[in-house]
Protein backbone atom coordinates (compact mmCIF):
# COMPACT_ATOMS: atom_id res chain seq x y z
CA MET A 1 -16.80 18.41 -25.49
CA PRO A 2 -13.62 19.57 -27.17
CA THR A 3 -10.42 17.56 -27.16
CA LEU A 4 -7.55 19.31 -25.39
CA ARG A 5 -3.97 18.28 -26.04
CA PHE A 6 -0.83 18.77 -23.97
CA ARG A 7 2.34 16.94 -23.00
CA LEU A 8 1.94 15.33 -19.56
CA ASN A 9 4.98 13.87 -17.82
CA GLY A 10 6.67 13.40 -21.19
CA VAL A 11 3.68 11.82 -22.95
CA GLU A 12 1.45 13.48 -25.53
CA THR A 13 -1.98 13.49 -23.88
CA GLU A 14 -5.53 14.17 -25.07
CA ILE A 15 -8.55 14.68 -22.90
CA ASP A 16 -12.17 15.33 -23.83
CA ALA A 17 -13.32 17.80 -21.21
CA ASP A 18 -14.95 21.13 -20.61
CA PRO A 19 -12.16 23.68 -21.26
CA ASP A 20 -13.01 25.43 -17.97
CA THR A 21 -12.40 22.26 -15.92
CA PRO A 22 -9.62 22.87 -13.40
CA LEU A 23 -6.38 21.12 -14.35
CA LEU A 24 -6.27 19.46 -10.92
CA THR A 25 -9.71 17.90 -11.49
CA ALA A 26 -8.53 16.41 -14.79
CA LEU A 27 -5.25 15.20 -13.31
CA ARG A 28 -6.83 13.47 -10.32
CA GLY A 29 -9.91 12.25 -12.23
CA PRO A 30 -9.74 10.96 -15.80
CA LEU A 31 -5.93 11.17 -16.03
CA GLY A 32 -5.49 9.14 -12.81
CA LEU A 33 -2.60 11.12 -11.31
CA THR A 34 -3.24 11.62 -7.61
CA GLY A 35 0.13 13.04 -6.51
CA SER A 36 -1.13 16.62 -6.72
CA HIS A 37 -3.50 17.26 -3.85
CA PHE A 38 -6.60 19.38 -3.41
CA GLY A 39 -6.03 21.76 -0.54
CA CYS A 40 -7.80 25.10 -0.58
CA GLY A 41 -9.26 25.14 -4.10
CA SER A 42 -8.36 28.80 -4.57
CA GLY A 43 -4.65 28.74 -5.43
CA GLU A 44 -3.49 29.72 -1.96
CA CYS A 45 -1.90 26.64 -0.36
CA GLY A 46 0.29 25.02 -3.01
CA ALA A 47 -0.77 21.41 -2.43
CA CYS A 48 -1.80 21.21 -6.11
CA MET A 49 1.38 22.74 -7.58
CA VAL A 50 2.57 21.38 -10.92
CA LEU A 51 5.03 22.61 -13.53
CA VAL A 52 3.62 24.13 -16.71
CA ASP A 53 6.42 24.79 -19.17
CA ASP A 54 8.83 24.57 -16.21
CA HIS A 55 6.99 27.23 -14.16
CA ALA A 56 5.30 26.36 -10.85
CA LEU A 57 1.54 26.79 -11.16
CA MET A 58 -1.42 26.04 -8.90
CA SER A 59 -3.52 23.48 -10.76
CA CYS A 60 -6.70 23.87 -8.69
CA ASP A 61 -7.61 27.18 -10.29
CA THR A 62 -5.96 26.72 -13.71
CA PRO A 63 -8.50 25.93 -16.45
CA LEU A 64 -7.62 23.21 -18.94
CA TRP A 65 -7.90 25.61 -21.89
CA SER A 66 -4.91 27.55 -20.54
CA VAL A 67 -2.56 24.53 -20.69
CA ALA A 68 -3.50 23.33 -24.18
CA GLY A 69 -0.32 22.78 -26.17
CA LYS A 70 1.92 23.15 -23.11
CA THR A 71 4.14 20.79 -21.16
CA ILE A 72 2.88 19.74 -17.73
CA THR A 73 4.94 17.91 -15.13
CA THR A 74 3.41 16.49 -11.98
CA VAL A 75 5.25 14.91 -9.07
CA GLU A 76 4.70 11.54 -10.80
CA GLY A 77 6.81 12.83 -13.70
CA LEU A 78 9.64 14.16 -11.55
CA GLY A 79 11.36 10.78 -11.11
CA THR A 80 10.62 7.09 -10.79
CA GLU A 81 10.91 4.60 -7.98
CA GLN A 82 13.91 3.10 -9.79
CA GLN A 83 15.45 6.50 -10.61
CA PRO A 84 14.17 9.13 -8.20
CA HIS A 85 14.87 12.79 -8.89
CA ALA A 86 17.57 14.44 -6.78
CA LEU A 87 14.83 16.28 -4.86
CA GLN A 88 13.09 13.04 -4.00
CA ARG A 89 16.35 11.48 -2.81
CA ALA A 90 17.24 14.56 -0.76
CA PHE A 91 13.81 14.79 0.90
CA ILE A 92 13.99 11.12 1.86
CA ALA A 93 17.58 11.32 3.10
CA GLY A 94 16.84 14.47 5.12
CA GLN A 95 13.50 13.19 6.45
CA ALA A 96 12.08 16.46 5.16
CA MET A 97 8.42 15.56 5.46
CA GLN A 98 5.90 14.47 8.01
CA CYS A 99 2.33 14.01 6.84
CA GLY A 100 3.29 14.51 3.19
CA TYR A 101 0.11 16.29 2.09
CA CYS A 102 1.95 19.41 0.94
CA LEU A 103 5.05 17.55 -0.24
CA SER A 104 4.24 17.10 -3.93
CA GLY A 105 3.53 20.81 -4.30
CA ILE A 106 6.68 21.74 -2.43
CA MET A 107 8.77 19.45 -4.61
CA MET A 108 7.30 20.99 -7.74
CA SER A 109 8.02 24.52 -6.48
CA ALA A 110 11.57 23.43 -5.69
CA ALA A 111 11.93 21.76 -9.11
CA ALA A 112 10.90 25.01 -10.82
CA LEU A 113 13.48 26.90 -8.75
CA LEU A 114 16.27 24.44 -9.60
CA LYS A 115 15.45 24.65 -13.31
CA ARG A 116 16.17 28.39 -13.29
CA ASN A 117 18.76 28.54 -10.50
CA THR A 118 21.14 25.63 -10.00
CA ASP A 119 22.87 27.18 -6.99
CA PRO A 120 20.20 28.83 -4.84
CA THR A 121 20.83 30.35 -1.45
CA SER A 122 18.78 29.39 1.57
CA ALA A 123 16.87 32.67 1.22
CA GLU A 124 16.08 31.91 -2.43
CA VAL A 125 14.77 28.45 -1.51
CA LYS A 126 12.58 29.95 1.22
CA ALA A 127 11.22 32.52 -1.24
CA ALA A 128 10.48 29.81 -3.82
CA LEU A 129 8.58 27.75 -1.24
CA ASP A 130 6.74 30.73 0.20
CA ARG A 131 3.51 29.92 -1.69
CA ASN A 132 3.39 26.39 -0.23
CA LEU A 133 1.72 25.95 3.13
CA CYS A 134 2.93 23.21 5.45
CA ARG A 135 1.41 22.67 8.87
CA CYS A 136 3.90 20.04 10.06
CA GLY A 137 6.83 22.34 10.78
CA SER A 138 9.29 20.61 8.42
CA HIS A 139 10.33 23.84 6.68
CA ASN A 140 13.96 23.88 7.82
CA ARG A 141 14.49 20.27 6.75
CA MET A 142 12.78 21.02 3.42
CA VAL A 143 15.09 23.97 2.74
CA ARG A 144 18.12 21.82 3.57
CA ALA A 145 16.81 19.07 1.27
CA VAL A 146 16.42 21.48 -1.66
CA LEU A 147 19.96 22.78 -1.11
CA ARG A 148 21.23 19.19 -0.94
CA ALA A 149 19.45 18.32 -4.19
CA ALA A 150 20.87 21.41 -5.88
CA ALA A 151 24.39 20.39 -4.84
CA GLU A 152 23.83 16.85 -6.12
CA MET A 153 22.49 18.14 -9.44
CA ARG A 154 25.47 20.47 -9.90
CA ALA A 155 27.89 17.61 -9.16
CA SER A 156 26.39 15.27 -11.75
């Protein structure tokens, strides 16, 4: 098997795997990062969303060969327990989650938005989260949390 290289959560990473292996399978398996979840398996629900070169991407249907040489950020790389990302703080403060299954994907979609737009409108947040399915009905709180995080990031 070939060795594939990429930067994962700030660390140069190598993995010996079939190049057609889905990124999500590698993340949750040999790389041991379980924050991204398997939902639909066809890139429709967003539970597996990660950042690839700062763009939100469904990892369940992204082959490893396509991320070779790129920078990947998972929810584990967004912040730490000691220094959570503004999004993580805002989601906790706003109680913007219930079951949490979709949450990592939603945070990664929001992180991609905030990298390109530091002052989004409510409509822009809703559009950015449109590819993420959530069955719990926390959407309004999630939108408010993203706006709160954006404000915090602009202030710092």
